[in-house]
């Protein structure tokens, strides 16, 4: 579930050049300093309502022409119902709002599981939001959470659905707190890979957790769904080892899963190096490849999928059906060897049986890395139709 991309090859190249040029500074002292600025007194955190903004920073190069942007620290709720501070971004039209603006919440794919891997800490955040051009052209407010623990001192609950969904929902609430943003109560969620998983859980939890908000649609590209099936399919691949390393590191810190019972002692050092990699830039991808090669192929004592505590977490964080009638857009590449098409199709069938209205976009020859980019235009068009109130199309007849 790894990704860095944006619409258009030229823009990808330009963003990567900028990121490499500026990344060293951000990856060092400045990133550490920015993370330190996210500390909030426990009493202040406890007494604040979800969505309350504690701090606002300029977004730097993250907003496109004609738009403004902020990096914000806001109050959310973690998977265990504890109050938590989360960073994210808000991008919105620079012109004054004449009516409440619709909001699109972007849920990012895997960037890592340690604090420095927060997307809002890279030089050009907007370039990592798939479909950003179409979203801003349509005049939407775009919110982009970092999720819990990315950009802050807390541990990141990787692929933990409730935590991610609440981070997304409270980012929409946060946008409403700033008068110049003009954010209304209608929103849609759009995500890729890990972000697709977050988007689906947002659809599941929205009515209960944020009943004052109106969800018009859920869009997900190559979403992580059946976690047990996903990890089984990927365990013998290079990407699968990276995914396993990040997951075990995160869950050992968040849930106390005993890492020493899963990872062989001689492999611990290389395992932790790989699990702590960020995957946002060319430099990051190179380091991840180096660290993955240093990790022996058989670094596990046991198969995590069959390890009781891990199995339980996977079961609890596999998304179920969305509320009946929910409009859903699912994009999937046929050449995806990380989130396998068969797993996504099985999930679509479950959504359909639950009464969701699911539009499916199968992309021939597209792999995991490009699923968000290659489906972005179609996703943005579909989201626009939902905001306009058009009847949601359904391909469920093809997914019994």
Foldseek 3Di string as FASTA:
>chain_A
DDAFFEADPVLRVVQQVQQVVCVVVLLPDVLVVQQVVQDDPQVVQVPDDQLAWDDWDFLAQAEDPQKGKIWTWTWWAAPVRGIAIWIKMKIFGQDADPAAAEEEEEEEAAFAWAQSSQLSSTNHSNRRGYLSVLCVVVGHIYMYTSFPHHSYPDTHQQLQQVRLLRRRLSSLSNLVVDNRRRHDQEYEYEYEASSLLNQLSNLACVCPPPVSHHYLAGEYELYDAQVLVLLVLPLQDLVSLLVVLLNLVRCCRVVVDPVPQWFPPVQVVLSVQLNGQTRHHPVRVVSNVVSSVVGDSCGTPDRLCPPVVSVVSSVNSRRAAGAAAHFYEYEYECAESRSHPVNVLLRLLRNVVNHYAYHYHYHYPDYRHCRSNVCRVVVSVLVVCSVVPHRHHHPNVVRD
